[in-house]
PDB file of N, CA and C in Angstrom:
ATOM      1  N   MET A   1      77.378 106.191 127.482  1.00  0.00           N
ATOM      2  CA  MET A   1      76.924 104.940 126.926  1.00  0.00           C
ATOM      3  C   MET A   1      77.669 104.664 125.618  1.00  0.00           C
ATOM      4  N   ALA A   2      78.243 103.496 125.513  1.00  0.00           N
ATOM      5  CA  ALA A   2      79.015 103.140 124.327  1.00  0.00           C
ATOM      6  C   ALA A   2      78.086 102.726 123.188  1.00  0.00           C
ATOM      7  N   THR A   3      78.355 103.281 122.018  1.00  0.00           N
ATOM      8  CA  THR A   3      77.583 102.905 120.841  1.00  0.00           C
ATOM      9  C   THR A   3      78.093 101.551 120.329  1.00  0.00           C
ATOM     10  N   PRO A   4      77.300 100.860 119.508  1.00  0.00           N
ATOM     11  CA  PRO A   4      77.771  99.587 118.945  1.00  0.00           C
ATOM     12  C   PRO A   4      79.093  99.741 118.183  1.00  0.00           C
ATOM     13  N   GLU A   5      79.245 100.846 117.441  1.00  0.00           N
ATOM     14  CA  GLU A   5      80.499 101.062 116.711  1.00  0.00           C
ATOM     15  C   GLU A   5      81.660 101.271 117.672  1.00  0.00           C
ATOM     16  N   ASN A   6      81.427 101.991 118.757  1.00  0.00           N
ATOM     17  CA  ASN A   6      82.491 102.196 119.748  1.00  0.00           C
ATOM     18  C   ASN A   6      82.914 100.887 120.394  1.00  0.00           C
ATOM     19  N   LYS A   7      81.985  99.950 120.542  1.00  0.00           N
ATOM     20  CA  LYS A   7      82.332  98.635 121.082  1.00  0.00           C
ATOM     21  C   LYS A   7      83.267  97.903 120.125  1.00  0.00           C
ATOM     22  N   VAL A   8      83.016  98.025 118.832  1.00  0.00           N
ATOM     23  CA  VAL A   8      83.902  97.409 117.835  1.00  0.00           C
ATOM     24  C   VAL A   8      85.286  98.061 117.911  1.00  0.00           C
ATOM     25  N   LYS A   9      85.318  99.386 117.979  1.00  0.00           N
ATOM     26  CA  LYS A   9      86.598 100.100 118.079  1.00  0.00           C
ATOM     27  C   LYS A   9      87.380  99.649 119.311  1.00  0.00           C
ATOM     28  N   LYS A  10      86.696  99.475 120.412  1.00  0.00           N
ATOM     29  CA  LYS A  10      87.353  99.037 121.644  1.00  0.00           C
ATOM     30  C   LYS A  10      87.973  97.650 121.459  1.00  0.00           C
ATOM     31  N   GLN A  11      87.250  96.744 120.804  1.00  0.00           N
ATOM     32  CA  GLN A  11      87.781  95.394 120.553  1.00  0.00           C
ATOM     33  C   GLN A  11      89.007  95.455 119.645  1.00  0.00           C
ATOM     34  N   VAL A  12      88.932  96.279 118.608  1.00  0.00           N
ATOM     35  CA  VAL A  12      90.057  96.424 117.685  1.00  0.00           C
ATOM     36  C   VAL A  12      91.280  96.958 118.425  1.00  0.00           C
ATOM     37  N   LYS A  13      91.089  97.985 119.237  1.00  0.00           N
ATOM     38  CA  LYS A  13      92.213  98.569 119.980  1.00  0.00           C
ATOM     39  C   LYS A  13      92.829  97.561 120.939  1.00  0.00           C
ATOM     40  N   LYS A  14      92.013  96.712 121.548  1.00  0.00           N
ATOM     41  CA  LYS A  14      92.542  95.678 122.447  1.00  0.00           C
ATOM     42  C   LYS A  14      93.407  94.692 121.667  1.00  0.00           C
ATOM     43  N   ILE A  15      92.936  94.277 120.497  1.00  0.00           N
ATOM     44  CA  ILE A  15      93.725  93.367 119.662  1.00  0.00           C
ATOM     45  C   ILE A  15      95.071  94.010 119.321  1.00  0.00           C
ATOM     46  N   LEU A  16      95.027  95.263 118.891  1.00  0.00           N
ATOM     47  CA  LEU A  16      96.260  95.959 118.526  1.00  0.00           C
ATOM     48  C   LEU A  16      97.180  96.140 119.732  1.00  0.00           C
ATOM     49  N   ASP A  17      96.618  96.476 120.887  1.00  0.00           N
ATOM     50  CA  ASP A  17      97.422  96.604 122.112  1.00  0.00           C
ATOM     51  C   ASP A  17      98.077  95.279 122.471  1.00  0.00           C
ATOM     52  N   ASP A  18      97.303  94.200 122.389  1.00  0.00           N
ATOM     53  CA  ASP A  18      97.835  92.880 122.722  1.00  0.00           C
ATOM     54  C   ASP A  18      98.993  92.493 121.803  1.00  0.00           C
ATOM     55  N   LEU A  19      98.948  92.958 120.552  1.00  0.00           N
ATOM     56  CA  LEU A  19     100.016  92.671 119.592  1.00  0.00           C
ATOM     57  C   LEU A  19     101.214  93.606 119.756  1.00  0.00           C
ATOM     58  N   GLY A  20     101.011  94.696 120.490  1.00  0.00           N
ATOM     59  CA  GLY A  20     102.070  95.689 120.635  1.00  0.00           C
ATOM     60  C   GLY A  20     102.163  96.610 119.431  1.00  0.00           C
ATOM     61  N   ALA A  21     101.086  96.725 118.667  1.00  0.00           N
ATOM     62  CA  ALA A  21     101.064  97.571 117.471  1.00  0.00           C
ATOM     63  C   ALA A  21     100.882  99.038 117.853  1.00  0.00           C
ATOM     64  N   TYR A  22     101.493  99.909 117.076  1.00  0.00           N
ATOM     65  CA  TYR A  22     101.261 101.343 117.216  1.00  0.00           C
ATOM     66  C   TYR A  22      99.914 101.648 116.569  1.00  0.00           C
ATOM     67  N   HIS A  23      99.086 102.450 117.232  1.00  0.00           N
ATOM     68  CA  HIS A  23      97.809 102.828 116.626  1.00  0.00           C
ATOM     69  C   HIS A  23      97.268 104.110 117.238  1.00  0.00           C
ATOM     70  N   PHE A  24      96.401 104.762 116.473  1.00  0.00           N
ATOM     71  CA  PHE A  24      95.706 105.952 116.962  1.00  0.00           C
ATOM     72  C   PHE A  24      94.414 106.110 116.180  1.00  0.00           C
ATOM     73  N   SER A  25      93.524 106.912 116.729  1.00  0.00           N
ATOM     74  CA  SER A  25      92.245 107.216 116.084  1.00  0.00           C
ATOM     75  C   SER A  25      92.262 108.673 115.653  1.00  0.00           C
ATOM     76  N   PRO A  26      92.361 108.926 114.347  1.00  0.00           N
ATOM     77  CA  PRO A  26      92.389 110.315 113.890  1.00  0.00           C
ATOM     78  C   PRO A  26      91.045 110.996 114.112  1.00  0.00           C
ATOM     79  N   MET A  27      91.086 112.243 114.508  1.00  0.00           N
ATOM     80  CA  MET A  27      89.873 113.024 114.717  1.00  0.00           C
ATOM     81  C   MET A  27      89.808 114.071 113.617  1.00  0.00           C
ATOM     82  N   THR A  28      88.746 114.034 112.836  1.00  0.00           N
ATOM     83  CA  THR A  28      88.640 115.018 111.765  1.00  0.00           C
ATOM     84  C   THR A  28      88.047 116.312 112.292  1.00  0.00           C
ATOM     85  N   ALA A  29      86.866 116.285 112.839  1.00  0.00           N
ATOM     86  CA  ALA A  29      86.216 117.447 113.464  1.00  0.00           C
ATOM     87  C   ALA A  29      86.386 118.728 112.652  1.00  0.00           C
ATOM     88  N   GLY A  30      86.330 118.601 111.327  1.00  0.00           N
ATOM     89  CA  GLY A  30      86.429 119.774 110.484  1.00  0.00           C
ATOM     90  C   GLY A  30      87.850 120.208 110.167  1.00  0.00           C
ATOM     91  N   PHE A  31      88.841 119.639 110.848  1.00  0.00           N
ATOM     92  CA  PHE A  31      90.225 120.053 110.641  1.00  0.00           C
ATOM     93  C   PHE A  31      91.035 119.023 109.876  1.00  0.00           C
ATOM     94  N   GLY A  32      90.645 117.767 109.959  1.00  0.00           N
ATOM     95  CA  GLY A  32      91.395 116.696 109.304  1.00  0.00           C
ATOM     96  C   GLY A  32      90.781 116.331 107.968  1.00  0.00           C
ATOM     97  N   ARG A  33      91.207 115.210 107.473  1.00  0.00           N
ATOM     98  CA  ARG A  33      90.748 114.707 106.181  1.00  0.00           C
ATOM     99  C   ARG A  33      89.564 113.773 106.390  1.00  0.00           C
ATOM    100  N   SER A  34      88.484 114.018 105.715  1.00  0.00           N
ATOM    101  CA  SER A  34      87.290 113.188 105.835  1.00  0.00           C
ATOM    102  C   SER A  34      87.501 111.843 105.147  1.00  0.00           C
ATOM    103  N   GLY A  35      86.828 110.810 105.665  1.00  0.00           N
ATOM    104  CA  GLY A  35      86.870 109.492 105.062  1.00  0.00           C
ATOM    105  C   GLY A  35      88.033 108.627 105.492  1.00  0.00           C
ATOM    106  N   VAL A  36      88.899 109.158 106.345  1.00  0.00           N
ATOM    107  CA  VAL A  36      90.046 108.390 106.841  1.00  0.00           C
ATOM    108  C   VAL A  36      89.528 107.269 107.742  1.00  0.00           C
ATOM    109  N   PRO A  37      90.146 106.077 107.691  1.00  0.00           N
ATOM    110  CA  PRO A  37      89.694 104.989 108.563  1.00  0.00           C
ATOM    111  C   PRO A  37      89.671 105.393 110.038  1.00  0.00           C
ATOM    112  N   ASP A  38      88.826 104.712 110.806  1.00  0.00           N
ATOM    113  CA  ASP A  38      88.660 105.025 112.231  1.00  0.00           C
ATOM    114  C   ASP A  38      89.932 104.825 113.030  1.00  0.00           C
ATOM    115  N   ILE A  39      90.707 103.816 112.664  1.00  0.00           N
ATOM    116  CA  ILE A  39      91.938 103.504 113.392  1.00  0.00           C
ATOM    117  C   ILE A  39      93.060 103.334 112.385  1.00  0.00           C
ATOM    118  N   ILE A  40      94.169 104.012 112.649  1.00  0.00           N
ATOM    119  CA  ILE A  40      95.375 103.892 111.839  1.00  0.00           C
ATOM    120  C   ILE A  40      96.392 103.146 112.695  1.00  0.00           C
ATOM    121  N   ALA A  41      96.984 102.106 112.127  1.00  0.00           N
ATOM    122  CA  ALA A  41      97.938 101.295 112.885  1.00  0.00           C
ATOM    123  C   ALA A  41      99.184 101.023 112.052  1.00  0.00           C
ATOM    124  N   CYS A  42     100.250 100.700 112.750  1.00  0.00           N
ATOM    125  CA  CYS A  42     101.469 100.237 112.120  1.00  0.00           C
ATOM    126  C   CYS A  42     101.929  99.022 112.910  1.00  0.00           C
ATOM    127  N   TYR A  43     102.128  97.923 112.190  1.00  0.00           N
ATOM    128  CA  TYR A  43     102.548  96.682 112.841  1.00  0.00           C
ATOM    129  C   TYR A  43     103.642  96.037 112.008  1.00  0.00           C
ATOM    130  N   LYS A  44     104.792  95.865 112.617  1.00  0.00           N
ATOM    131  CA  LYS A  44     105.950  95.259 111.954  1.00  0.00           C
ATOM    132  C   LYS A  44     106.232  95.917 110.610  1.00  0.00           C
ATOM    133  N   GLY A  45     106.141  97.250 110.615  1.00  0.00           N
ATOM    134  CA  GLY A  45     106.473  98.013 109.422  1.00  0.00           C
ATOM    135  C   GLY A  45     105.378  98.133 108.376  1.00  0.00           C
ATOM    136  N   ARG A  46     104.200  97.596 108.648  1.00  0.00           N
ATOM    137  CA  ARG A  46     103.096  97.672 107.692  1.00  0.00           C
ATOM    138  C   ARG A  46     102.046  98.662 108.172  1.00  0.00           C
ATOM    139  N   PHE A  47     101.588  99.486 107.256  1.00  0.00           N
ATOM    140  CA  PHE A  47     100.526 100.455 107.510  1.00  0.00           C
ATOM    141  C   PHE A  47      99.191  99.732 107.415  1.00  0.00           C
ATOM    142  N   ILE A  48      98.309  99.974 108.397  1.00  0.00           N
ATOM    143  CA  ILE A  48      96.988  99.351 108.402  1.00  0.00           C
ATOM    144  C   ILE A  48      95.935 100.414 108.693  1.00  0.00           C
ATOM    145  N   GLY A  49      94.936 100.501 107.833  1.00  0.00           N
ATOM    146  CA  GLY A  49      93.779 101.357 108.055  1.00  0.00           C
ATOM    147  C   GLY A  49      92.592 100.475 108.409  1.00  0.00           C
ATOM    148  N   ILE A  50      91.927 100.772 109.516  1.00  0.00           N
ATOM    149  CA  ILE A  50      90.822  99.932 109.981  1.00  0.00           C
ATOM    150  C   ILE A  50      89.563 100.783 110.113  1.00  0.00           C
ATOM    151  N   GLU A  51      88.571 100.469 109.309  1.00  0.00           N
ATOM    152  CA  GLU A  51      87.273 101.139 109.378  1.00  0.00           C
ATOM    153  C   GLU A  51      86.346 100.258 110.199  1.00  0.00           C
ATOM    154  N   CYS A  52      85.791 100.793 111.261  1.00  0.00           N
ATOM    155  CA  CYS A  52      84.918 100.037 112.159  1.00  0.00           C
ATOM    156  C   CYS A  52      83.459 100.385 111.879  1.00  0.00           C
ATOM    157  N   LYS A  53      82.652  99.365 111.781  1.00  0.00           N
ATOM    158  CA  LYS A  53      81.224  99.542 111.544  1.00  0.00           C
ATOM    159  C   LYS A  53      80.446  98.666 112.515  1.00  0.00           C
ATOM    160  N   ALA A  54      79.214  99.025 112.748  1.00  0.00           N
ATOM    161  CA  ALA A  54      78.330  98.227 113.607  1.00  0.00           C
ATOM    162  C   ALA A  54      77.277  97.565 112.736  1.00  0.00           C
ATOM    163  N   GLY A  55      76.986  96.314 113.052  1.00  0.00           N
ATOM    164  CA  GLY A  55      75.939  95.606 112.344  1.00  0.00           C
ATOM    165  C   GLY A  55      76.201  95.517 110.856  1.00  0.00           C
ATOM    166  N   LYS A  56      75.203  95.855 110.079  1.00  0.00           N
ATOM    167  CA  LYS A  56      75.309  95.752 108.621  1.00  0.00           C
ATOM    168  C   LYS A  56      75.676  97.086 107.969  1.00  0.00           C
ATOM    169  N   ASN A  57      76.085  98.067 108.775  1.00  0.00           N
ATOM    170  CA  ASN A  57      76.485  99.364 108.221  1.00  0.00           C
ATOM    171  C   ASN A  57      77.655  99.178 107.263  1.00  0.00           C
ATOM    172  N   GLU A  58      77.642  99.946 106.211  1.00  0.00           N
ATOM    173  CA  GLU A  58      78.671  99.885 105.174  1.00  0.00           C
ATOM    174  C   GLU A  58      79.477 101.186 105.169  1.00  0.00           C
ATOM    175  N   PRO A  59      80.721 101.123 104.709  1.00  0.00           N
ATOM    176  CA  PRO A  59      81.505 102.355 104.578  1.00  0.00           C
ATOM    177  C   PRO A  59      80.865 103.297 103.556  1.00  0.00           C
ATOM    178  N   THR A  60      81.066 104.579 103.749  1.00  0.00           N
ATOM    179  CA  THR A  60      80.600 105.574 102.788  1.00  0.00           C
ATOM    180  C   THR A  60      81.458 105.484 101.522  1.00  0.00           C
ATOM    181  N   LEU A  61      81.020 106.141 100.471  1.00  0.00           N
ATOM    182  CA  LEU A  61      81.819 106.165  99.245  1.00  0.00           C
ATOM    183  C   LEU A  61      83.201 106.761  99.485  1.00  0.00           C
ATOM    184  N   LEU A  62      83.267 107.805 100.306  1.00  0.00           N
ATOM    185  CA  LEU A  62      84.554 108.424 100.611  1.00  0.00           C
ATOM    186  C   LEU A  62      85.444 107.475 101.418  1.00  0.00           C
ATOM    187  N   GLN A  63      84.863 106.751 102.368  1.00  0.00           N
ATOM    188  CA  GLN A  63      85.633 105.772 103.137  1.00  0.00           C
ATOM    189  C   GLN A  63      86.139 104.656 102.224  1.00  0.00           C
ATOM    190  N   LYS A  64      85.293 104.194 101.297  1.00  0.00           N
ATOM    191  CA  LYS A  64      85.716 103.161 100.346  1.00  0.00           C
ATOM    192  C   LYS A  64      86.858 103.673  99.470  1.00  0.00           C
ATOM    193  N   HIS A  65      86.771 104.929  99.071  1.00  0.00           N
ATOM    194  CA  HIS A  65      87.835 105.526  98.263  1.00  0.00           C
ATOM    195  C   HIS A  65      89.159 105.520  99.031  1.00  0.00           C
ATOM    196  N   ASN A  66      89.113 105.924 100.291  1.00  0.00           N
ATOM    197  CA  ASN A  66      90.330 105.948 101.101  1.00  0.00           C
ATOM    198  C   ASN A  66      90.895 104.543 101.296  1.00  0.00           C
ATOM    199  N   ILE A  67      90.039 103.559 101.490  1.00  0.00           N
ATOM    200  CA  ILE A  67      90.487 102.169 101.636  1.00  0.00           C
ATOM    201  C   ILE A  67      91.194 101.719 100.352  1.00  0.00           C
ATOM    202  N   ARG A  68      90.609 102.024  99.199  1.00  0.00           N
ATOM    203  CA  ARG A  68      91.236 101.655  97.916  1.00  0.00           C
ATOM    204  C   ARG A  68      92.588 102.344  97.742  1.00  0.00           C
ATOM    205  N   GLU A  69      92.676 103.615  98.144  1.00  0.00           N
ATOM    206  CA  GLU A  69      93.938 104.350  98.030  1.00  0.00           C
ATOM    207  C   GLU A  69      95.017 103.738  98.922  1.00  0.00           C
ATOM    208  N   ILE A  70      94.646 103.340 100.122  1.00  0.00           N
ATOM    209  CA  ILE A  70      95.606 102.675 101.020  1.00  0.00           C
ATOM    210  C   ILE A  70      96.105 101.390 100.368  1.00  0.00           C
ATOM    211  N   GLN A  71      95.193 100.586  99.856  1.00  0.00           N
ATOM    212  CA  GLN A  71      95.553  99.317  99.230  1.00  0.00           C
ATOM    213  C   GLN A  71      96.376  99.543  97.961  1.00  0.00           C
ATOM    214  N   ARG A  72      96.026 100.557  97.189  1.00  0.00           N
ATOM    215  CA  ARG A  72      96.778 100.869  95.964  1.00  0.00           C
ATOM    216  C   ARG A  72      98.229 101.210  96.286  1.00  0.00           C
ATOM    217  N   ASN A  73      98.447 101.768  97.464  1.00  0.00           N
ATOM    218  CA  ASN A  73      99.789 102.148  97.896  1.00  0.00           C
ATOM    219  C   ASN A  73     100.461 101.073  98.742  1.00  0.00           C
ATOM    220  N   LYS A  74      99.953  99.857  98.638  1.00  0.00           N
ATOM    221  CA  LYS A  74     100.524  98.671  99.295  1.00  0.00           C
ATOM    222  C   LYS A  74     100.334  98.644 100.802  1.00  0.00           C
ATOM    223  N   GLY A  75      99.449  99.495 101.318  1.00  0.00           N
ATOM    224  CA  GLY A  75      99.068  99.412 102.725  1.00  0.00           C
ATOM    225  C   GLY A  75      97.951  98.389 102.876  1.00  0.00           C
ATOM    226  N   LEU A  76      97.646  98.061 104.088  1.00  0.00           N
ATOM    227  CA  LEU A  76      96.549  97.138 104.382  1.00  0.00           C
ATOM    228  C   LEU A  76      95.367  97.939 104.885  1.00  0.00           C
ATOM    229  N   ALA A  77      94.179  97.580 104.446  1.00  0.00           N
ATOM    230  CA  ALA A  77      92.963  98.258 104.893  1.00  0.00           C
ATOM    231  C   ALA A  77      91.859  97.226 105.014  1.00  0.00           C
ATOM    232  N   ILE A  78      91.059  97.384 106.055  1.00  0.00           N
ATOM    233  CA  ILE A  78      90.010  96.408 106.327  1.00  0.00           C
ATOM    234  C   ILE A  78      88.821  97.108 106.966  1.00  0.00           C
ATOM    235  N   VAL A  79      87.637  96.575 106.705  1.00  0.00           N
ATOM    236  CA  VAL A  79      86.413  97.027 107.364  1.00  0.00           C
ATOM    237  C   VAL A  79      86.005  95.910 108.313  1.00  0.00           C
ATOM    238  N   VAL A  80      85.839  96.240 109.601  1.00  0.00           N
ATOM    239  CA  VAL A  80      85.453  95.223 110.577  1.00  0.00           C
ATOM    240  C   VAL A  80      84.170  95.617 111.292  1.00  0.00           C
ATOM    241  N   ASN A  81      83.429  94.591 111.701  1.00  0.00           N
ATOM    242  CA  ASN A  81      82.260  94.781 112.554  1.00  0.00           C
ATOM    243  C   ASN A  81      82.249  93.661 113.592  1.00  0.00           C
ATOM    244  N   GLU A  82      81.174  93.568 114.340  1.00  0.00           N
ATOM    245  CA  GLU A  82      81.107  92.569 115.412  1.00  0.00           C
ATOM    246  C   GLU A  82      81.242  91.139 114.875  1.00  0.00           C
ATOM    247  N   ASP A  83      80.795  90.922 113.650  1.00  0.00           N
ATOM    248  CA  ASP A  83      80.759  89.575 113.091  1.00  0.00           C
ATOM    249  C   ASP A  83      82.050  89.119 112.435  1.00  0.00           C
ATOM    250  N   ASN A  84      82.914  90.066 112.059  1.00  0.00           N
ATOM    251  CA  ASN A  84      84.126  89.652 111.355  1.00  0.00           C
ATOM    252  C   ASN A  84      85.410  90.181 111.985  1.00  0.00           C
ATOM    253  N   ILE A  85      85.379  90.490 113.260  1.00  0.00           N
ATOM    254  CA  ILE A  85      86.549  91.072 113.918  1.00  0.00           C
ATOM    255  C   ILE A  85      87.766  90.152 113.833  1.00  0.00           C
ATOM    256  N   GLU A  86      87.523  88.837 113.724  1.00  0.00           N
ATOM    257  CA  GLU A  86      88.639  87.897 113.608  1.00  0.00           C
ATOM    258  C   GLU A  86      89.375  88.080 112.288  1.00  0.00           C
ATOM    259  N   ALA A  87      88.759  88.740 111.307  1.00  0.00           N
ATOM    260  CA  ALA A  87      89.431  89.023 110.038  1.00  0.00           C
ATOM    261  C   ALA A  87      90.652  89.911 110.262  1.00  0.00           C
ATOM    262  N   LEU A  88      90.599  90.764 111.287  1.00  0.00           N
ATOM    263  CA  LEU A  88      91.753  91.600 111.614  1.00  0.00           C
ATOM    264  C   LEU A  88      92.920  90.716 112.061  1.00  0.00           C
ATOM    265  N   LEU A  89      92.646  89.720 112.881  1.00  0.00           N
ATOM    266  CA  LEU A  89      93.705  88.805 113.325  1.00  0.00           C
ATOM    267  C   LEU A  89      94.294  88.050 112.136  1.00  0.00           C
ATOM    268  N   THR A  90      93.446  87.624 111.213  1.00  0.00           N
ATOM    269  CA  THR A  90      93.921  86.928 110.011  1.00  0.00           C
ATOM    270  C   THR A  90      94.826  87.839 109.206  1.00  0.00           C
ATOM    271  N   LEU A  91      94.428  89.092 109.041  1.00  0.00           N
ATOM    272  CA  LEU A  91      95.225  90.063 108.300  1.00  0.00           C
ATOM    273  C   LEU A  91      96.585  90.271 108.954  1.00  0.00           C
ATOM    274  N   VAL A  92      96.585  90.410 110.259  1.00  0.00           N
ATOM    275  CA  VAL A  92      97.829  90.652 110.996  1.00  0.00           C
ATOM    276  C   VAL A  92      98.743  89.429 110.924  1.00  0.00           C
ATOM    277  N   LYS A  93      98.180  88.245 110.980  1.00  0.00           N
ATOM    278  CA  LYS A  93      98.981  87.025 110.904  1.00  0.00           C
ATOM    279  C   LYS A  93      99.693  86.923 109.562  1.00  0.00           C
ATOM    280  N   GLU A  94      99.096  87.488 108.504  1.00  0.00           N
ATOM    281  CA  GLU A  94      99.750  87.508 107.204  1.00  0.00           C
ATOM    282  C   GLU A  94     101.019  88.353 107.241  1.00  0.00           C
ATOM    283  N   ILE A  95     101.063  89.362 108.098  1.00  0.00           N
ATOM    284  CA  ILE A  95     102.243  90.201 108.242  1.00  0.00           C
ATOM    285  C   ILE A  95     103.377  89.402 108.876  1.00  0.00           C
ATOM    286  N   GLU A  96     103.020  88.580 109.851  1.00  0.00           N
ATOM    287  CA  GLU A  96     104.031  87.802 110.562  1.00  0.00           C
ATOM    288  C   GLU A  96     104.607  86.751 109.654  1.00  0.00           C
TER     289      GLU A  96
END
Protein backbone atom coordinates (compact mmCIF):
# COMPACT_ATOMS: atom_id res chain seq x y z
CA MET A 1 0.00 0.00 0.00
CA ALA A 2 1.44 3.35 -1.04
CA THR A 3 1.72 6.00 1.64
CA PRO A 4 0.64 9.59 0.86
CA GLU A 5 4.32 10.63 0.77
CA ASN A 6 5.15 7.80 -1.65
CA LYS A 7 2.38 9.06 -3.94
CA VAL A 8 4.06 12.47 -4.00
CA LYS A 9 7.43 10.85 -4.74
CA LYS A 10 5.87 8.90 -7.60
CA GLN A 11 4.45 12.11 -9.12
CA VAL A 12 7.80 13.87 -8.78
CA LYS A 13 9.64 10.98 -10.44
CA LYS A 14 7.15 10.99 -13.33
CA ILE A 15 7.73 14.72 -13.88
CA LEU A 16 11.49 14.18 -13.85
CA ASP A 17 11.23 11.17 -16.19
CA ASP A 18 9.05 13.14 -18.60
CA LEU A 19 11.71 15.88 -18.66
CA GLY A 20 14.51 13.37 -19.19
CA ALA A 21 16.21 14.46 -15.96
CA TYR A 22 18.70 12.25 -14.14
CA HIS A 23 17.42 11.38 -10.66
CA PHE A 24 17.68 8.90 -7.82
CA SER A 25 16.39 8.39 -4.30
CA PRO A 26 19.22 8.08 -1.78
CA MET A 27 18.75 5.45 0.90
CA THR A 28 20.28 6.29 4.25
CA ALA A 29 19.35 3.18 6.28
CA GLY A 30 22.09 3.97 8.78
CA PHE A 31 24.83 4.08 6.13
CA GLY A 32 24.19 7.37 4.35
CA ARG A 33 23.82 10.95 5.43
CA SER A 34 20.66 11.82 7.33
CA GLY A 35 18.48 14.74 6.23
CA VAL A 36 19.31 14.43 2.53
CA PRO A 37 16.35 15.27 0.26
CA ASP A 38 14.16 12.35 -0.85
CA ILE A 39 15.06 12.79 -4.51
CA ILE A 40 18.31 14.08 -5.98
CA ALA A 41 18.12 15.22 -9.59
CA CYS A 42 20.25 16.85 -12.23
CA TYR A 43 18.59 18.70 -15.09
CA LYS A 44 20.47 20.65 -17.75
CA GLY A 45 23.50 20.86 -15.50
CA ARG A 46 21.65 22.04 -12.38
CA PHE A 47 21.60 20.12 -9.11
CA ILE A 48 18.12 19.77 -7.58
CA GLY A 49 17.23 18.41 -4.15
CA ILE A 50 13.55 17.55 -3.71
CA GLU A 51 12.05 16.86 -0.29
CA CYS A 52 8.63 15.21 -0.56
CA LYS A 53 6.02 15.60 2.14
CA ALA A 54 2.39 14.57 2.51
CA GLY A 55 -0.32 16.96 3.59
CA LYS A 56 0.84 19.63 6.00
CA ASN A 57 3.97 17.74 7.11
CA GLU A 58 7.03 19.95 7.36
CA PRO A 59 10.71 19.12 6.84
CA THR A 60 12.72 18.32 9.96
CA LEU A 61 15.36 20.76 11.17
CA LEU A 62 18.05 18.56 9.63
CA GLN A 63 16.19 18.46 6.29
CA LYS A 64 15.83 22.26 6.38
CA HIS A 65 19.55 22.55 7.08
CA ASN A 66 20.39 20.39 4.07
CA ILE A 67 18.03 22.42 1.85
CA ARG A 68 19.75 25.66 2.96
CA GLU A 69 23.19 24.12 2.28
CA ILE A 70 22.13 23.10 -1.24
CA GLN A 71 20.83 26.61 -1.92
CA ARG A 72 23.93 28.23 -0.38
CA ASN A 73 25.99 26.26 -2.88
CA LYS A 74 23.87 27.50 -5.80
CA GLY A 75 21.91 24.27 -6.15
CA LEU A 76 18.13 24.20 -6.30
CA ALA A 77 16.10 22.72 -3.46
CA ILE A 78 12.37 22.50 -2.99
CA VAL A 79 9.82 20.94 -0.65
CA VAL A 80 6.78 19.55 -2.47
CA ASN A 81 3.50 18.00 -1.42
CA GLU A 82 0.22 17.13 -3.12
CA ASP A 83 -0.86 20.77 -3.15
CA ASN A 84 2.23 22.40 -4.62
CA ILE A 85 3.72 19.80 -6.96
CA GLU A 86 3.40 22.29 -9.83
CA ALA A 87 6.07 24.36 -8.04
CA LEU A 88 8.58 21.76 -9.24
CA LEU A 89 7.58 22.46 -12.86
CA THR A 90 7.95 26.20 -12.24
CA LEU A 91 11.42 25.63 -10.78
CA VAL A 92 12.48 23.47 -13.71
CA LYS A 93 11.16 25.99 -16.24
CA GLU A 94 13.48 28.58 -14.68
CA ILE A 95 16.40 26.32 -15.68
CA GLU A 96 15.27 26.29 -19.29
